[in-house]
PDB file of N, CA and C in Angstrom:
ATOM      1  N   MET A   1      -6.483  12.140  -4.295  1.00  0.00           N
ATOM      2  CA  MET A   1      -6.937  12.363  -3.672  1.00  0.00           C
ATOM      3  C   MET A   1      -8.682  12.587  -3.783  1.00  0.00           C
ATOM      4  N   THR A   2      -9.158  11.625  -3.596  1.00  0.00           N
ATOM      5  CA  THR A   2     -10.473  12.255  -3.644  1.00  0.00           C
ATOM      6  C   THR A   2     -11.292  13.857  -3.193  1.00  0.00           C
ATOM      7  N   THR A   3     -12.301  14.073  -3.545  1.00  0.00           N
ATOM      8  CA  THR A   3     -12.707  15.276  -3.442  1.00  0.00           C
ATOM      9  C   THR A   3     -13.973  15.321  -2.545  1.00  0.00           C
ATOM     10  N   ASP A   4     -14.691  16.568  -1.706  1.00  0.00           N
ATOM     11  CA  ASP A   4     -15.729  15.904  -1.213  1.00  0.00           C
ATOM     12  C   ASP A   4     -16.563  15.753  -2.130  1.00  0.00           C
ATOM     13  N   GLY A   5     -17.854  15.173  -1.863  1.00  0.00           N
ATOM     14  CA  GLY A   5     -18.773  14.627  -3.287  1.00  0.00           C
ATOM     15  C   GLY A   5     -18.615  13.558  -3.615  1.00  0.00           C
ATOM     16  N   ASP A   6     -17.602  12.833  -3.852  1.00  0.00           N
ATOM     17  CA  ASP A   6     -16.990  11.796  -4.490  1.00  0.00           C
ATOM     18  C   ASP A   6     -17.971  10.959  -4.267  1.00  0.00           C
ATOM     19  N   ASP A   7     -18.495  10.410  -4.796  1.00  0.00           N
ATOM     20  CA  ASP A   7     -19.440   8.900  -4.697  1.00  0.00           C
ATOM     21  C   ASP A   7     -18.975   7.521  -4.420  1.00  0.00           C
ATOM     22  N   ARG A   8     -17.458   7.743  -5.058  1.00  0.00           N
ATOM     23  CA  ARG A   8     -16.982   6.172  -6.193  1.00  0.00           C
ATOM     24  C   ARG A   8     -16.954   5.090  -3.979  1.00  0.00           C
ATOM     25  N   GLN A   9     -17.679   4.097  -4.985  1.00  0.00           N
ATOM     26  CA  GLN A   9     -17.098   2.705  -3.678  1.00  0.00           C
ATOM     27  C   GLN A   9     -15.574   3.049  -3.598  1.00  0.00           C
ATOM     28  N   ARG A  10     -15.165   2.341  -2.201  1.00  0.00           N
ATOM     29  CA  ARG A  10     -14.005   2.468  -1.500  1.00  0.00           C
ATOM     30  C   ARG A  10     -13.410   1.078  -1.591  1.00  0.00           C
ATOM     31  N   ILE A  11     -11.613   1.016  -1.973  1.00  0.00           N
ATOM     32  CA  ILE A  11     -11.148  -0.259  -1.775  1.00  0.00           C
ATOM     33  C   ILE A  11      -9.914  -0.139  -0.553  1.00  0.00           C
ATOM     34  N   LEU A  12      -9.873  -0.929   0.042  1.00  0.00           N
ATOM     35  CA  LEU A  12      -8.618  -1.070   0.717  1.00  0.00           C
ATOM     36  C   LEU A  12      -7.840  -2.466   0.709  1.00  0.00           C
ATOM     37  N   THR A  13      -6.791  -2.578   0.290  1.00  0.00           N
ATOM     38  CA  THR A  13      -6.179  -3.753  -0.290  1.00  0.00           C
ATOM     39  C   THR A  13      -4.502  -3.664  -0.080  1.00  0.00           C
ATOM     40  N   GLY A  14      -3.879  -4.621   0.200  1.00  0.00           N
ATOM     41  CA  GLY A  14      -2.325  -4.094   0.518  1.00  0.00           C
ATOM     42  C   GLY A  14      -1.335  -5.196   1.010  1.00  0.00           C
ATOM     43  N   VAL A  15      -0.241  -5.419   0.983  1.00  0.00           N
ATOM     44  CA  VAL A  15       0.379  -6.049   1.246  1.00  0.00           C
ATOM     45  C   VAL A  15       1.187  -6.234   2.554  1.00  0.00           C
ATOM     46  N   ARG A  16       2.271  -6.936   2.797  1.00  0.00           N
ATOM     47  CA  ARG A  16       3.259  -6.809   4.096  1.00  0.00           C
ATOM     48  C   ARG A  16       4.586  -6.983   3.011  1.00  0.00           C
ATOM     49  N   PRO A  17       5.394  -5.915   3.769  1.00  0.00           N
ATOM     50  CA  PRO A  17       6.922  -5.713   3.515  1.00  0.00           C
ATOM     51  C   PRO A  17       7.305  -6.323   3.424  1.00  0.00           C
ATOM     52  N   THR A  18       7.326  -7.842   3.435  1.00  0.00           N
ATOM     53  CA  THR A  18       8.422  -9.075   3.659  1.00  0.00           C
ATOM     54  C   THR A  18       9.217  -9.384   2.305  1.00  0.00           C
ATOM     55  N   GLY A  19       9.441  -8.139   1.662  1.00  0.00           N
ATOM     56  CA  GLY A  19      10.723  -8.688   0.440  1.00  0.00           C
ATOM     57  C   GLY A  19      10.274  -7.843  -0.675  1.00  0.00           C
ATOM     58  N   ALA A  20      11.451  -8.235  -1.435  1.00  0.00           N
ATOM     59  CA  ALA A  20      11.202  -7.196  -2.903  1.00  0.00           C
ATOM     60  C   ALA A  20       9.851  -7.472  -3.759  1.00  0.00           C
ATOM     61  N   LEU A  21       9.539  -6.809  -4.473  1.00  0.00           N
ATOM     62  CA  LEU A  21       7.934  -6.852  -5.033  1.00  0.00           C
ATOM     63  C   LEU A  21       8.467  -7.841  -6.205  1.00  0.00           C
ATOM     64  N   HIS A  22       8.187  -8.192  -6.870  1.00  0.00           N
ATOM     65  CA  HIS A  22       8.426  -9.223  -8.293  1.00  0.00           C
ATOM     66  C   HIS A  22       7.007  -9.177  -9.018  1.00  0.00           C
ATOM     67  N   LEU A  23       7.679 -10.240 -10.271  1.00  0.00           N
ATOM     68  CA  LEU A  23       6.216 -10.399 -11.206  1.00  0.00           C
ATOM     69  C   LEU A  23       5.143 -10.942 -11.178  1.00  0.00           C
ATOM     70  N   GLY A  24       5.051 -11.628 -10.061  1.00  0.00           N
ATOM     71  CA  GLY A  24       4.183 -12.499  -9.577  1.00  0.00           C
ATOM     72  C   GLY A  24       3.125 -11.306  -8.951  1.00  0.00           C
ATOM     73  N   HIS A  25       3.562 -10.500  -7.709  1.00  0.00           N
ATOM     74  CA  HIS A  25       2.991  -9.571  -7.350  1.00  0.00           C
ATOM     75  C   HIS A  25       2.294  -8.239  -8.772  1.00  0.00           C
ATOM     76  N   TYR A  26       2.757  -8.086  -9.387  1.00  0.00           N
ATOM     77  CA  TYR A  26       2.439  -7.028 -10.948  1.00  0.00           C
ATOM     78  C   TYR A  26       1.426  -7.953 -11.267  1.00  0.00           C
ATOM     79  N   ALA A  27       1.580  -9.123 -11.866  1.00  0.00           N
ATOM     80  CA  ALA A  27       0.624  -9.995 -12.581  1.00  0.00           C
ATOM     81  C   ALA A  27      -0.485 -10.567 -11.397  1.00  0.00           C
ATOM     82  N   GLY A  28      -0.206 -10.834 -10.124  1.00  0.00           N
ATOM     83  CA  GLY A  28      -1.547 -11.122  -9.421  1.00  0.00           C
ATOM     84  C   GLY A  28      -2.448  -9.773  -8.653  1.00  0.00           C
ATOM     85  N   ALA A  29      -1.445  -8.289  -8.754  1.00  0.00           N
ATOM     86  CA  ALA A  29      -2.057  -7.820  -7.961  1.00  0.00           C
ATOM     87  C   ALA A  29      -1.875  -6.153  -8.311  1.00  0.00           C
ATOM     88  N   LEU A  30      -1.264  -6.008  -8.729  1.00  0.00           N
ATOM     89  CA  LEU A  30      -0.438  -4.547  -8.972  1.00  0.00           C
ATOM     90  C   LEU A  30      -1.299  -4.252 -10.027  1.00  0.00           C
ATOM     91  N   GLU A  31      -1.160  -5.286 -11.257  1.00  0.00           N
ATOM     92  CA  GLU A  31      -1.756  -4.743 -12.847  1.00  0.00           C
ATOM     93  C   GLU A  31      -3.293  -3.947 -12.590  1.00  0.00           C
ATOM     94  N   ASN A  32      -4.083  -4.984 -11.461  1.00  0.00           N
ATOM     95  CA  ASN A  32      -5.389  -4.674 -10.838  1.00  0.00           C
ATOM     96  C   ASN A  32      -5.748  -3.533 -10.987  1.00  0.00           C
ATOM     97  N   TRP A  33      -4.531  -3.205  -9.845  1.00  0.00           N
ATOM     98  CA  TRP A  33      -4.638  -1.885  -8.244  1.00  0.00           C
ATOM     99  C   TRP A  33      -4.724  -0.559  -9.475  1.00  0.00           C
ATOM    100  N   ILE A  34      -3.236  -0.790 -10.313  1.00  0.00           N
ATOM    101  CA  ILE A  34      -3.289   0.825 -10.901  1.00  0.00           C
ATOM    102  C   ILE A  34      -4.686   1.246 -12.413  1.00  0.00           C
ATOM    103  N   ARG A  35      -5.354   0.033 -12.764  1.00  0.00           N
ATOM    104  CA  ARG A  35      -6.936   0.241 -13.296  1.00  0.00           C
ATOM    105  C   ARG A  35      -7.929   0.627 -11.887  1.00  0.00           C
ATOM    106  N   LEU A  36      -8.460   0.536 -11.040  1.00  0.00           N
ATOM    107  CA  LEU A  36      -8.931   0.327 -10.044  1.00  0.00           C
ATOM    108  C   LEU A  36      -8.805   1.661  -9.398  1.00  0.00           C
ATOM    109  N   GLN A  37      -7.624   2.713  -9.393  1.00  0.00           N
ATOM    110  CA  GLN A  37      -7.293   3.783  -8.727  1.00  0.00           C
ATOM    111  C   GLN A  37      -8.335   4.556  -9.824  1.00  0.00           C
ATOM    112  N   ASP A  38      -8.505   4.214 -10.939  1.00  0.00           N
ATOM    113  CA  ASP A  38      -9.402   5.505 -11.692  1.00  0.00           C
ATOM    114  C   ASP A  38     -10.904   5.145 -11.356  1.00  0.00           C
ATOM    115  N   GLU A  39     -11.537   3.744 -10.987  1.00  0.00           N
ATOM    116  CA  GLU A  39     -12.796   3.275 -11.033  1.00  0.00           C
ATOM    117  C   GLU A  39     -13.238   3.712  -9.474  1.00  0.00           C
ATOM    118  N   TYR A  40     -12.293   3.539  -8.757  1.00  0.00           N
ATOM    119  CA  TYR A  40     -12.771   3.246  -7.049  1.00  0.00           C
ATOM    120  C   TYR A  40     -11.971   4.298  -6.311  1.00  0.00           C
ATOM    121  N   ASP A  41     -12.314   4.603  -5.061  1.00  0.00           N
ATOM    122  CA  ASP A  41     -11.686   5.125  -4.038  1.00  0.00           C
ATOM    123  C   ASP A  41     -10.358   3.958  -3.456  1.00  0.00           C
ATOM    124  N   CYS A  42      -9.550   4.463  -3.817  1.00  0.00           N
ATOM    125  CA  CYS A  42      -8.695   2.790  -3.424  1.00  0.00           C
ATOM    126  C   CYS A  42      -7.614   3.883  -2.017  1.00  0.00           C
ATOM    127  N   PHE A  43      -7.149   2.375  -1.502  1.00  0.00           N
ATOM    128  CA  PHE A  43      -6.306   2.781  -0.218  1.00  0.00           C
ATOM    129  C   PHE A  43      -5.450   1.802  -0.292  1.00  0.00           C
ATOM    130  N   PHE A  44      -4.503   1.796  -0.017  1.00  0.00           N
ATOM    131  CA  PHE A  44      -3.149   0.495  -0.760  1.00  0.00           C
ATOM    132  C   PHE A  44      -2.190   0.769   0.192  1.00  0.00           C
ATOM    133  N   LEU A  45      -2.740  -0.306   1.413  1.00  0.00           N
ATOM    134  CA  LEU A  45      -2.157  -0.469   2.816  1.00  0.00           C
ATOM    135  C   LEU A  45      -0.748  -1.219   2.573  1.00  0.00           C
ATOM    136  N   ILE A  46       0.261  -0.691   3.493  1.00  0.00           N
ATOM    137  CA  ILE A  46       1.685  -1.259   3.521  1.00  0.00           C
ATOM    138  C   ILE A  46       1.387  -2.197   5.046  1.00  0.00           C
ATOM    139  N   ALA A  47       1.221  -3.180   5.206  1.00  0.00           N
ATOM    140  CA  ALA A  47       0.681  -3.307   6.303  1.00  0.00           C
ATOM    141  C   ALA A  47       1.947  -3.901   7.193  1.00  0.00           C
ATOM    142  N   ASP A  48       3.028  -3.105   7.868  1.00  0.00           N
ATOM    143  CA  ASP A  48       3.984  -2.997   8.370  1.00  0.00           C
ATOM    144  C   ASP A  48       3.711  -3.843   9.868  1.00  0.00           C
ATOM    145  N   TYR A  49       2.953  -3.161  10.600  1.00  0.00           N
ATOM    146  CA  TYR A  49       2.781  -3.717  12.392  1.00  0.00           C
ATOM    147  C   TYR A  49       2.890  -5.626  12.046  1.00  0.00           C
ATOM    148  N   GLN A  50       2.362  -5.931  11.051  1.00  0.00           N
ATOM    149  CA  GLN A  50       2.196  -7.728  10.799  1.00  0.00           C
ATOM    150  C   GLN A  50       3.458  -8.337  10.482  1.00  0.00           C
ATOM    151  N   VAL A  51       4.665  -7.610  10.307  1.00  0.00           N
ATOM    152  CA  VAL A  51       5.673  -7.489  10.428  1.00  0.00           C
ATOM    153  C   VAL A  51       6.883  -7.329  11.177  1.00  0.00           C
ATOM    154  N   SER A  52       6.331  -6.495  11.995  1.00  0.00           N
ATOM    155  CA  SER A  52       7.273  -5.659  13.038  1.00  0.00           C
ATOM    156  C   SER A  52       7.526  -6.622  14.378  1.00  0.00           C
ATOM    157  N   ASP A  53       6.100  -7.159  14.157  1.00  0.00           N
ATOM    158  CA  ASP A  53       5.921  -8.235  15.396  1.00  0.00           C
ATOM    159  C   ASP A  53       7.039  -9.387  15.430  1.00  0.00           C
ATOM    160  N   HIS A  54       7.348  -9.847  14.475  1.00  0.00           N
ATOM    161  CA  HIS A  54       8.083 -10.367  14.224  1.00  0.00           C
ATOM    162  C   HIS A  54       9.739 -10.535  13.716  1.00  0.00           C
ATOM    163  N   ALA A  55       9.380  -9.264  13.118  1.00  0.00           N
ATOM    164  CA  ALA A  55      11.074  -8.858  12.774  1.00  0.00           C
ATOM    165  C   ALA A  55      12.151  -9.005  13.889  1.00  0.00           C
ATOM    166  N   ASP A  56      13.344  -9.491  13.565  1.00  0.00           N
ATOM    167  CA  ASP A  56      13.956  -9.457  14.331  1.00  0.00           C
ATOM    168  C   ASP A  56      14.871  -8.045  13.735  1.00  0.00           C
ATOM    169  N   ASP A  57      15.193  -6.997  12.804  1.00  0.00           N
ATOM    170  CA  ASP A  57      15.482  -5.691  12.228  1.00  0.00           C
ATOM    171  C   ASP A  57      14.597  -5.065  11.782  1.00  0.00           C
ATOM    172  N   ILE A  58      13.858  -4.311  12.941  1.00  0.00           N
ATOM    173  CA  ILE A  58      12.979  -3.434  12.178  1.00  0.00           C
ATOM    174  C   ILE A  58      13.550  -2.483  11.706  1.00  0.00           C
ATOM    175  N   ASP A  59      14.923  -1.734  11.117  1.00  0.00           N
ATOM    176  CA  ASP A  59      15.537  -1.316  10.864  1.00  0.00           C
ATOM    177  C   ASP A  59      15.191  -1.519   9.265  1.00  0.00           C
ATOM    178  N   ARG A  60      14.928  -3.017   9.002  1.00  0.00           N
ATOM    179  CA  ARG A  60      15.048  -3.678   7.492  1.00  0.00           C
ATOM    180  C   ARG A  60      13.235  -3.301   7.111  1.00  0.00           C
ATOM    181  N   VAL A  61      12.863  -3.598   8.508  1.00  0.00           N
ATOM    182  CA  VAL A  61      11.232  -3.597   8.125  1.00  0.00           C
ATOM    183  C   VAL A  61      11.083  -1.989   7.611  1.00  0.00           C
ATOM    184  N   ARG A  62      11.645  -0.783   8.190  1.00  0.00           N
ATOM    185  CA  ARG A  62      11.483   0.431   7.618  1.00  0.00           C
ATOM    186  C   ARG A  62      12.196   0.306   6.369  1.00  0.00           C
ATOM    187  N   GLU A  63      13.200   0.289   6.111  1.00  0.00           N
ATOM    188  CA  GLU A  63      13.816  -0.339   4.558  1.00  0.00           C
ATOM    189  C   GLU A  63      12.509  -0.628   3.606  1.00  0.00           C
ATOM    190  N   ALA A  64      11.878  -2.024   3.862  1.00  0.00           N
ATOM    191  CA  ALA A  64      11.259  -2.501   2.933  1.00  0.00           C
ATOM    192  C   ALA A  64       9.781  -1.983   2.679  1.00  0.00           C
ATOM    193  N   VAL A  65       9.302  -0.705   3.722  1.00  0.00           N
ATOM    194  CA  VAL A  65       8.408  -0.009   3.824  1.00  0.00           C
ATOM    195  C   VAL A  65       8.353   0.699   2.532  1.00  0.00           C
ATOM    196  N   ILE A  66       9.839   1.331   2.626  1.00  0.00           N
ATOM    197  CA  ILE A  66      10.329   2.539   1.771  1.00  0.00           C
ATOM    198  C   ILE A  66      10.256   1.553   0.272  1.00  0.00           C
ATOM    199  N   GLU A  67      10.667   0.861   0.051  1.00  0.00           N
ATOM    200  CA  GLU A  67      11.047   0.002  -1.055  1.00  0.00           C
ATOM    201  C   GLU A  67       9.444  -0.028  -2.010  1.00  0.00           C
ATOM    202  N   VAL A  68       9.058  -1.330  -1.067  1.00  0.00           N
ATOM    203  CA  VAL A  68       7.111  -0.996  -1.281  1.00  0.00           C
ATOM    204  C   VAL A  68       7.057   0.086  -2.077  1.00  0.00           C
ATOM    205  N   ALA A  69       6.890   1.223  -1.229  1.00  0.00           N
ATOM    206  CA  ALA A  69       6.002   2.455  -1.965  1.00  0.00           C
ATOM    207  C   ALA A  69       6.867   2.974  -3.334  1.00  0.00           C
ATOM    208  N   THR A  70       8.164   2.740  -3.044  1.00  0.00           N
ATOM    209  CA  THR A  70       8.846   3.495  -4.123  1.00  0.00           C
ATOM    210  C   THR A  70       8.776   2.527  -5.312  1.00  0.00           C
ATOM    211  N   ASP A  71       8.452   0.796  -5.315  1.00  0.00           N
ATOM    212  CA  ASP A  71       8.052   0.291  -6.146  1.00  0.00           C
ATOM    213  C   ASP A  71       6.546   0.186  -6.851  1.00  0.00           C
ATOM    214  N   TRP A  72       5.307   0.880  -5.485  1.00  0.00           N
ATOM    215  CA  TRP A  72       4.654   1.449  -5.854  1.00  0.00           C
ATOM    216  C   TRP A  72       4.131   2.315  -7.616  1.00  0.00           C
ATOM    217  N   LEU A  73       5.448   3.121  -6.897  1.00  0.00           N
ATOM    218  CA  LEU A  73       5.151   4.564  -7.751  1.00  0.00           C
ATOM    219  C   LEU A  73       6.011   4.151  -9.609  1.00  0.00           C
ATOM    220  N   ALA A  74       6.785   3.038  -8.941  1.00  0.00           N
ATOM    221  CA  ALA A  74       7.696   2.456 -10.160  1.00  0.00           C
ATOM    222  C   ALA A  74       6.420   2.145 -11.038  1.00  0.00           C
ATOM    223  N   VAL A  75       4.982   1.499 -10.709  1.00  0.00           N
ATOM    224  CA  VAL A  75       4.611   0.349 -11.909  1.00  0.00           C
ATOM    225  C   VAL A  75       3.409   1.294 -11.788  1.00  0.00           C
ATOM    226  N   GLY A  76       3.029   2.418 -11.327  1.00  0.00           N
ATOM    227  CA  GLY A  76       2.236   3.179 -11.850  1.00  0.00           C
ATOM    228  C   GLY A  76       1.002   3.447 -11.080  1.00  0.00           C
ATOM    229  N   LEU A  77       0.708   3.144  -9.666  1.00  0.00           N
ATOM    230  CA  LEU A  77       0.010   3.360  -8.607  1.00  0.00           C
ATOM    231  C   LEU A  77       0.387   4.971  -8.138  1.00  0.00           C
ATOM    232  N   ASP A  78      -0.420   5.753  -8.204  1.00  0.00           N
ATOM    233  CA  ASP A  78      -0.909   7.203  -8.269  1.00  0.00           C
ATOM    234  C   ASP A  78      -1.227   8.031  -7.027  1.00  0.00           C
ATOM    235  N   PRO A  79      -0.515   8.607  -6.280  1.00  0.00           N
ATOM    236  CA  PRO A  79      -0.774   9.302  -4.877  1.00  0.00           C
ATOM    237  C   PRO A  79      -1.864  10.397  -5.337  1.00  0.00           C
ATOM    238  N   ASP A  80      -2.145  10.706  -6.416  1.00  0.00           N
ATOM    239  CA  ASP A  80      -3.467  11.914  -6.828  1.00  0.00           C
ATOM    240  C   ASP A  80      -3.982  11.360  -7.280  1.00  0.00           C
ATOM    241  N   ARG A  81      -4.102   9.720  -7.195  1.00  0.00           N
ATOM    242  CA  ARG A  81      -5.589   9.073  -7.833  1.00  0.00           C
ATOM    243  C   ARG A  81      -5.856   7.941  -6.570  1.00  0.00           C
ATOM    244  N   SER A  82      -4.939   7.709  -5.591  1.00  0.00           N
ATOM    245  CA  SER A  82      -5.604   6.601  -5.002  1.00  0.00           C
ATOM    246  C   SER A  82      -4.655   7.449  -3.177  1.00  0.00           C
ATOM    247  N   HIS A  83      -4.367   6.208  -2.535  1.00  0.00           N
ATOM    248  CA  HIS A  83      -4.027   6.776  -0.870  1.00  0.00           C
ATOM    249  C   HIS A  83      -3.190   5.894  -0.572  1.00  0.00           C
ATOM    250  N   PHE A  84      -2.052   6.182  -0.452  1.00  0.00           N
ATOM    251  CA  PHE A  84      -0.875   4.673   0.080  1.00  0.00           C
ATOM    252  C   PHE A  84      -1.239   4.997   1.725  1.00  0.00           C
ATOM    253  N   VAL A  85      -0.890   4.267   2.409  1.00  0.00           N
ATOM    254  CA  VAL A  85      -1.546   4.158   4.013  1.00  0.00           C
ATOM    255  C   VAL A  85       0.137   3.264   4.864  1.00  0.00           C
ATOM    256  N   ILE A  86       0.643   3.397   5.936  1.00  0.00           N
ATOM    257  CA  ILE A  86       1.398   2.432   6.085  1.00  0.00           C
ATOM    258  C   ILE A  86       0.878   2.379   7.370  1.00  0.00           C
ATOM    259  N   GLU A  87       0.657   1.437   7.693  1.00  0.00           N
ATOM    260  CA  GLU A  87      -0.478   1.431   8.750  1.00  0.00           C
ATOM    261  C   GLU A  87       0.354   1.236  10.545  1.00  0.00           C
ATOM    262  N   SER A  88       1.751   1.410  10.568  1.00  0.00           N
ATOM    263  CA  SER A  88       2.221   1.879  11.850  1.00  0.00           C
ATOM    264  C   SER A  88       2.111   3.189  11.714  1.00  0.00           C
ATOM    265  N   LEU A  89       2.153   4.314  11.079  1.00  0.00           N
ATOM    266  CA  LEU A  89       1.682   5.611  11.248  1.00  0.00           C
ATOM    267  C   LEU A  89       0.337   5.809  11.624  1.00  0.00           C
ATOM    268  N   ILE A  90      -0.413   5.082  11.473  1.00  0.00           N
ATOM    269  CA  ILE A  90      -1.996   4.948  11.914  1.00  0.00           C
ATOM    270  C   ILE A  90      -2.386   4.571  13.206  1.00  0.00           C
ATOM    271  N   PRO A  91      -2.266   5.665  15.094  1.00  0.00           N
ATOM    272  CA  PRO A  91      -1.940   5.615  16.363  1.00  0.00           C
ATOM    273  C   PRO A  91      -3.318   4.685  16.004  1.00  0.00           C
ATOM    274  N   GLU A  92      -4.083   5.055  16.189  1.00  0.00           N
ATOM    275  CA  GLU A  92      -5.442   4.681  16.614  1.00  0.00           C
ATOM    276  C   GLU A  92      -5.603   3.002  15.937  1.00  0.00           C
ATOM    277  N   HIS A  93      -4.668   2.614  14.889  1.00  0.00           N
ATOM    278  CA  HIS A  93      -5.153   1.077  14.864  1.00  0.00           C
ATOM    279  C   HIS A  93      -4.198   0.177  15.813  1.00  0.00           C
ATOM    280  N   ALA A  94      -3.625   0.961  16.445  1.00  0.00           N
ATOM    281  CA  ALA A  94      -3.100  -0.039  17.787  1.00  0.00           C
ATOM    282  C   ALA A  94      -4.710   0.266  19.234  1.00  0.00           C
ATOM    283  N   GLU A  95      -4.981   0.837  18.964  1.00  0.00           N
ATOM    284  CA  GLU A  95      -5.783   1.402  19.875  1.00  0.00           C
ATOM    285  C   GLU A  95      -7.196   0.078  20.554  1.00  0.00           C
TER     286      GLU A  95
END
């Protein structure tokens, strides 16, 4: 997490939890995200609202959110150096 007075620029990026993460996610995004979390105030978003609107199984979407966050931790994204954001947990987003 950042402290007061931190003047780093911010980055907001994320994914929709539509399936298991794979090597393409790592090479295409996650490898860069790991590096960026030391240089920027990073917000990594799990965009589950966009998936839940079209999902037949909401429980599967919830499981996918947990899988994505777990995978992020496994590859080296660090919630002490960045922010994990689950879109559906921000009530103001839907207003």
